[in-house]
C-alpha atoms as a PDB file:
ATOM      1  CA  UNK A   1      87.868  70.168  85.902  1.00  0.00           C
ATOM      2  CA  UNK A   2      91.608  71.719  87.159  1.00  0.00           C
ATOM      3  CA  UNK A   3      91.735  75.509  86.074  1.00  0.00           C
ATOM      4  CA  UNK A   4      94.994  77.035  85.664  1.00  0.00           C
ATOM      5  CA  UNK A   5      94.414  80.572  88.746  1.00  0.00           C
ATOM      6  CA  UNK A   6      96.624  83.405  88.370  1.00  0.00           C
ATOM      7  CA  UNK A   7      95.903  85.575  91.574  1.00  0.00           C
ATOM      8  CA  UNK A   8      98.467  88.573  91.802  1.00  0.00           C
ATOM      9  CA  UNK A   9      98.702  92.365  92.596  1.00  0.00           C
ATOM     10  CA  UNK A  10      99.985  94.339  90.293  1.00  0.00           C
ATOM     11  CA  UNK A  11     100.939  98.334  90.777  1.00  0.00           C
ATOM     12  CA  UNK A  12      98.625 100.920  88.507  1.00  0.00           C
ATOM     13  CA  UNK A  13     101.193 100.627  85.600  1.00  0.00           C
ATOM     14  CA  UNK A  14     101.186  97.095  85.397  1.00  0.00           C
ATOM     15  CA  UNK A  15     104.230  95.882  87.189  1.00  0.00           C
ATOM     16  CA  UNK A  16     104.242  92.745  89.794  1.00  0.00           C
ATOM     17  CA  UNK A  17     107.566  93.953  91.373  1.00  0.00           C
ATOM     18  CA  UNK A  18     109.701  97.252  91.379  1.00  0.00           C
ATOM     19  CA  UNK A  19     113.229  96.931  90.424  1.00  0.00           C
ATOM     20  CA  UNK A  20     115.415  94.045  91.766  1.00  0.00           C
ATOM     21  CA  UNK A  21     111.957  92.082  92.901  1.00  0.00           C
ATOM     22  CA  UNK A  22     111.110  94.446  95.172  1.00  0.00           C
ATOM     23  CA  UNK A  23     108.300  94.321  97.066  1.00  0.00           C
ATOM     24  CA  UNK A  24     108.322  97.288  99.542  1.00  0.00           C
ATOM     25  CA  UNK A  25     104.893  98.921  97.768  1.00  0.00           C
ATOM     26  CA  UNK A  26     102.936  96.396  98.935  1.00  0.00           C
ATOM     27  CA  UNK A  27     100.753  96.961 101.447  1.00  0.00           C
ATOM     28  CA  UNK A  28     101.648  95.466 105.071  1.00  0.00           C
ATOM     29  CA  UNK A  29      98.961  93.719 107.224  1.00  0.00           C
ATOM     30  CA  UNK A  30      99.043  96.572 109.443  1.00  0.00           C
ATOM     31  CA  UNK A  31      98.632  98.862 106.648  1.00  0.00           C
ATOM     32  CA  UNK A  32      95.570  97.169 105.746  1.00  0.00           C
ATOM     33  CA  UNK A  33      94.386  97.104 109.137  1.00  0.00           C
ATOM     34  CA  UNK A  34      94.844 100.909 109.257  1.00  0.00           C
ATOM     35  CA  UNK A  35      92.738 100.979 105.923  1.00  0.00           C
ATOM     36  CA  UNK A  36      90.371  98.007 106.510  1.00  0.00           C
ATOM     37  CA  UNK A  37      86.669  98.979 104.793  1.00  0.00           C
ATOM     38  CA  UNK A  38      83.617  97.194 104.204  1.00  0.00           C
ATOM     39  CA  UNK A  39      84.774  94.258 101.576  1.00  0.00           C
ATOM     40  CA  UNK A  40      82.010  93.993  98.780  1.00  0.00           C
ATOM     41  CA  UNK A  41      83.213  90.669  97.671  1.00  0.00           C
ATOM     42  CA  UNK A  42      86.790  90.890  97.215  1.00  0.00           C
ATOM     43  CA  UNK A  43      88.611  86.997  96.857  1.00  0.00           C
ATOM     44  CA  UNK A  44      91.669  87.149  99.668  1.00  0.00           C
ATOM     45  CA  UNK A  45      94.720  85.159  99.953  1.00  0.00           C
ATOM     46  CA  UNK A  46      93.773  82.895 102.639  1.00  0.00           C
ATOM     47  CA  UNK A  47      90.176  82.006 100.769  1.00  0.00           C
ATOM     48  CA  UNK A  48      92.346  81.473  97.441  1.00  0.00           C
ATOM     49  CA  UNK A  49      94.925  79.513  98.606  1.00  0.00           C
ATOM     50  CA  UNK A  50      92.988  76.861 100.324  1.00  0.00           C
ATOM     51  CA  UNK A  51      91.083  76.267  96.940  1.00  0.00           C
ATOM     52  CA  UNK A  52      94.248  75.613  95.022  1.00  0.00           C
ATOM     53  CA  UNK A  53      95.761  72.285  95.297  1.00  0.00           C
ATOM     54  CA  UNK A  54      99.288  72.704  94.023  1.00  0.00           C
ATOM     55  CA  UNK A  55     101.204  76.327  93.118  1.00  0.00           C
ATOM     56  CA  UNK A  56     103.591  76.269  89.421  1.00  0.00           C
ATOM     57  CA  UNK A  57     106.128  79.363  90.642  1.00  0.00           C
ATOM     58  CA  UNK A  58     108.811  80.641  88.389  1.00  0.00           C
ATOM     59  CA  UNK A  59     112.448  80.163  89.960  1.00  0.00           C
ATOM     60  CA  UNK A  60     112.892  84.182  90.313  1.00  0.00           C
ATOM     61  CA  UNK A  61     109.433  84.388  92.226  1.00  0.00           C
ATOM     62  CA  UNK A  62     110.745  81.045  94.288  1.00  0.00           C
ATOM     63  CA  UNK A  63     113.864  82.666  95.024  1.00  0.00           C
ATOM     64  CA  UNK A  64     112.083  85.960  96.358  1.00  0.00           C
ATOM     65  CA  UNK A  65     109.863  84.051  98.714  1.00  0.00           C
ATOM     66  CA  UNK A  66     112.406  82.057  99.858  1.00  0.00           C
ATOM     67  CA  UNK A  67     114.647  85.426 100.639  1.00  0.00           C
ATOM     68  CA  UNK A  68     111.546  86.341 103.170  1.00  0.00           C
ATOM     69  CA  UNK A  69     112.317  86.514 106.432  1.00  0.00           C
ATOM     70  CA  UNK A  70     109.299  84.253 107.657  1.00  0.00           C
ATOM     71  CA  UNK A  71     108.541  80.545 107.509  1.00  0.00           C
ATOM     72  CA  UNK A  72     107.545  78.776 104.703  1.00  0.00           C
ATOM     73  CA  UNK A  73     104.519  80.462 103.211  1.00  0.00           C
ATOM     74  CA  UNK A  74     102.527  77.500 101.573  1.00  0.00           C
ATOM     75  CA  UNK A  75     102.290  74.821 104.408  1.00  0.00           C
ATOM     76  CA  UNK A  76     101.655  71.724 102.991  1.00  0.00           C
ATOM     77  CA  UNK A  77     101.133  73.004  98.996  1.00  0.00           C
ATOM     78  CA  UNK A  78     103.012  71.070  96.549  1.00  0.00           C
ATOM     79  CA  UNK A  79     105.359  73.965  95.260  1.00  0.00           C
ATOM     80  CA  UNK A  80     106.622  73.083  91.485  1.00  0.00           C
ATOM     81  CA  UNK A  81     109.211  75.455  90.642  1.00  0.00           C
ATOM     82  CA  UNK A  82     110.392  75.631  86.947  1.00  0.00           C
ATOM     83  CA  UNK A  83     113.715  76.208  86.781  1.00  0.00           C
ATOM     84  CA  UNK A  84     116.985  74.600  84.890  1.00  0.00           C
ATOM     85  CA  UNK A  85     119.199  75.619  87.569  1.00  0.00           C
ATOM     86  CA  UNK A  86     119.178  73.203  91.446  1.00  0.00           C
ATOM     87  CA  UNK A  87     117.253  75.012  94.135  1.00  0.00           C
ATOM     88  CA  UNK A  88     119.203  75.887  97.312  1.00  0.00           C
ATOM     89  CA  UNK A  89     120.745  73.665  99.573  1.00  0.00           C
ATOM     90  CA  UNK A  90     117.152  73.153 101.892  1.00  0.00           C
ATOM     91  CA  UNK A  91     114.097  73.728 100.090  1.00  0.00           C
ATOM     92  CA  UNK A  92     111.217  73.170 101.633  1.00  0.00           C
ATOM     93  CA  UNK A  93     110.248  69.523 101.695  1.00  0.00           C
ATOM     94  CA  UNK A  94     106.761  70.317  99.550  1.00  0.00           C
ATOM     95  CA  UNK A  95     108.820  71.656  96.724  1.00  0.00           C
ATOM     96  CA  UNK A  96     110.213  70.236  93.646  1.00  0.00           C
ATOM     97  CA  UNK A  97     112.117  71.768  90.684  1.00  0.00           C
ATOM     98  CA  UNK A  98     110.303  71.300  87.221  1.00  0.00           C
ATOM     99  CA  UNK A  99     111.546  71.609  83.637  1.00  0.00           C
ATOM    100  CA  UNK A 100     109.439  71.509  80.271  1.00  0.00           C
ATOM    101  CA  UNK A 101     107.769  73.633  78.262  1.00  0.00           C
ATOM    102  CA  UNK A 102     104.917  75.842  79.322  1.00  0.00           C
ATOM    103  CA  UNK A 103     101.860  73.059  78.453  1.00  0.00           C
ATOM    104  CA  UNK A 104     104.067  70.079  80.393  1.00  0.00           C
ATOM    105  CA  UNK A 105     104.327  72.380  83.859  1.00  0.00           C
ATOM    106  CA  UNK A 106     100.810  72.949  83.734  1.00  0.00           C
ATOM    107  CA  UNK A 107     100.168  69.156  83.020  1.00  0.00           C
ATOM    108  CA  UNK A 108     102.719  68.649  86.019  1.00  0.00           C
ATOM    109  CA  UNK A 109     100.964  71.188  87.854  1.00  0.00           C
ATOM    110  CA  UNK A 110      97.531  69.579  87.518  1.00  0.00           C
ATOM    111  CA  UNK A 111      98.335  66.342  88.312  1.00  0.00           C
ATOM    112  CA  UNK A 112     100.185  67.502  91.731  1.00  0.00           C
ATOM    113  CA  UNK A 113      96.915  69.538  92.378  1.00  0.00           C
ATOM    114  CA  UNK A 114      94.231  66.769  92.274  1.00  0.00           C
ATOM    115  CA  UNK A 115      90.790  67.486  91.980  1.00  0.00           C
ATOM    116  CA  UNK A 116      91.948  71.400  92.731  1.00  0.00           C
ATOM    117  CA  UNK A 117      92.583  74.471  90.862  1.00  0.00           C
ATOM    118  CA  UNK A 118      96.558  74.955  90.097  1.00  0.00           C
ATOM    119  CA  UNK A 119      97.853  78.217  91.244  1.00  0.00           C
ATOM    120  CA  UNK A 120      99.987  80.407  88.606  1.00  0.00           C
ATOM    121  CA  UNK A 121     102.397  82.550  89.836  1.00  0.00           C
ATOM    122  CA  UNK A 122     105.360  84.641  88.019  1.00  0.00           C
ATOM    123  CA  UNK A 123     105.271  87.077  85.514  1.00  0.00           C
ATOM    124  CA  UNK A 124     107.443  84.500  82.952  1.00  0.00           C
ATOM    125  CA  UNK A 125     104.769  81.780  83.590  1.00  0.00           C
ATOM    126  CA  UNK A 126     102.264  84.208  83.477  1.00  0.00           C
ATOM    127  CA  UNK A 127     102.940  85.498  80.082  1.00  0.00           C
ATOM    128  CA  UNK A 128     104.003  81.869  78.724  1.00  0.00           C
ATOM    129  CA  UNK A 129     100.905  80.542  79.667  1.00  0.00           C
ATOM    130  CA  UNK A 130      98.726  83.544  78.359  1.00  0.00           C
ATOM    131  CA  UNK A 131     100.252  83.467  74.880  1.00  0.00           C
ATOM    132  CA  UNK A 132      99.273  79.716  75.241  1.00  0.00           C
ATOM    133  CA  UNK A 133      95.902  80.414  76.165  1.00  0.00           C
ATOM    134  CA  UNK A 134      96.466  78.010  79.443  1.00  0.00           C
ATOM    135  CA  UNK A 135      95.265  80.366  82.024  1.00  0.00           C
ATOM    136  CA  UNK A 136      91.455  80.359  82.863  1.00  0.00           C
ATOM    137  CA  UNK A 137      90.557  82.690  85.373  1.00  0.00           C
ATOM    138  CA  UNK A 138      93.058  85.661  86.651  1.00  0.00           C
ATOM    139  CA  UNK A 139      92.220  87.924  89.927  1.00  0.00           C
ATOM    140  CA  UNK A 140      94.658  91.032  89.761  1.00  0.00           C
ATOM    141  CA  UNK A 141      94.563  93.274  92.824  1.00  0.00           C
ATOM    142  CA  UNK A 142      95.676  97.091  91.676  1.00  0.00           C
ATOM    143  CA  UNK A 143      97.781  98.991  93.684  1.00  0.00           C
ATOM    144  CA  UNK A 144      97.246 103.175  94.262  1.00  0.00           C
ATOM    145  CA  UNK A 145     101.035 103.501  92.738  1.00  0.00           C
ATOM    146  CA  UNK A 146     103.305 104.020  89.922  1.00  0.00           C
ATOM    147  CA  UNK A 147     106.507 101.998  89.942  1.00  0.00           C
ATOM    148  CA  UNK A 148     107.708 102.949  86.215  1.00  0.00           C
ATOM    149  CA  UNK A 149     109.556  99.859  86.130  1.00  0.00           C
ATOM    150  CA  UNK A 150     110.374  96.577  87.016  1.00  0.00           C
ATOM    151  CA  UNK A 151     108.884  93.225  86.503  1.00  0.00           C
ATOM    152  CA  UNK A 152     105.935  93.795  84.108  1.00  0.00           C
ATOM    153  CA  UNK A 153     102.790  90.978  84.203  1.00  0.00           C
ATOM    154  CA  UNK A 154     102.117  91.364  80.921  1.00  0.00           C
ATOM    155  CA  UNK A 155     104.480  93.178  78.379  1.00  0.00           C
ATOM    156  CA  UNK A 156     106.750  92.014  76.061  1.00  0.00           C
ATOM    157  CA  UNK A 157     104.010  89.321  75.067  1.00  0.00           C
ATOM    158  CA  UNK A 158     104.001  88.568  71.400  1.00  0.00           C
ATOM    159  CA  UNK A 159     100.060  88.878  70.776  1.00  0.00           C
ATOM    160  CA  UNK A 160      97.031  90.469  72.175  1.00  0.00           C
ATOM    161  CA  UNK A 161      95.811  88.616  74.936  1.00  0.00           C
ATOM    162  CA  UNK A 162      92.010  89.900  75.190  1.00  0.00           C
ATOM    163  CA  UNK A 163      90.284  89.138  78.299  1.00  0.00           C
ATOM    164  CA  UNK A 164      86.631  89.385  79.448  1.00  0.00           C
ATOM    165  CA  UNK A 165      86.004  91.528  82.944  1.00  0.00           C
ATOM    166  CA  UNK A 166      83.667  89.190  85.246  1.00  0.00           C
ATOM    167  CA  UNK A 167      83.985  91.750  88.289  1.00  0.00           C
ATOM    168  CA  UNK A 168      85.943  94.085  90.580  1.00  0.00           C
ATOM    169  CA  UNK A 169      85.453  94.773  94.227  1.00  0.00           C
ATOM    170  CA  UNK A 170      87.261  97.485  96.052  1.00  0.00           C
ATOM    171  CA  UNK A 171      90.019  95.739  98.677  1.00  0.00           C
ATOM    172  CA  UNK A 172      91.371  97.189 101.906  1.00  0.00           C
ATOM    173  CA  UNK A 173      94.255  99.437 101.514  1.00  0.00           C
ATOM    174  CA  UNK A 174      92.767 101.292  98.865  1.00  0.00           C
ATOM    175  CA  UNK A 175      93.325  98.606  96.372  1.00  0.00           C
ATOM    176  CA  UNK A 176      91.034  97.494  93.595  1.00  0.00           C
ATOM    177  CA  UNK A 177      90.227  93.571  92.496  1.00  0.00           C
ATOM    178  CA  UNK A 178      89.890  92.908  89.124  1.00  0.00           C
ATOM    179  CA  UNK A 179      88.538  89.455  87.936  1.00  0.00           C
ATOM    180  CA  UNK A 180      88.626  88.398  84.522  1.00  0.00           C
ATOM    181  CA  UNK A 181      88.660  85.510  81.745  1.00  0.00           C
ATOM    182  CA  UNK A 182      90.350  85.167  78.656  1.00  0.00           C
ATOM    183  CA  UNK A 183      88.155  85.608  75.457  1.00  0.00           C
ATOM    184  CA  UNK A 184      88.522  82.016  73.784  1.00  0.00           C
END
């Protein structure tokens, strides 16, 4: 059965990006190489992305990724962007804009994923999916920095979201990775 997965980094104070979607606080590959420590089971990005069949992301997340000075990082993975605005003039060929309720968006992403899982990315979409009980598994990597403000992961939800921790691991760069499932 196709699951909806969250794989995201956050600051200690719960922000997934700083003001103006700043991601400069995340460790770079060079930082990770300099601080590489024995991995005790943390789920790496490459392993995670290979397990998913589609990515549902919010428009702000799409705009941030498109602003990176790198080739499109998702290769041939189908990417659905939740937006009411037209995408940029030349979106990657695997990208399409979608609209609807969070439940409808997730169904579209599940169809695109085939037999694999759905990667859900973007603060607002994650909050909507959490409030609608549509997330199956969360991998949250906590960086040892407090940002003070920015884009929150869960702040602003209208109700509590109880989770059950499944595992925790050291992650390169001095980070801690938490794996959780919603308590149902």
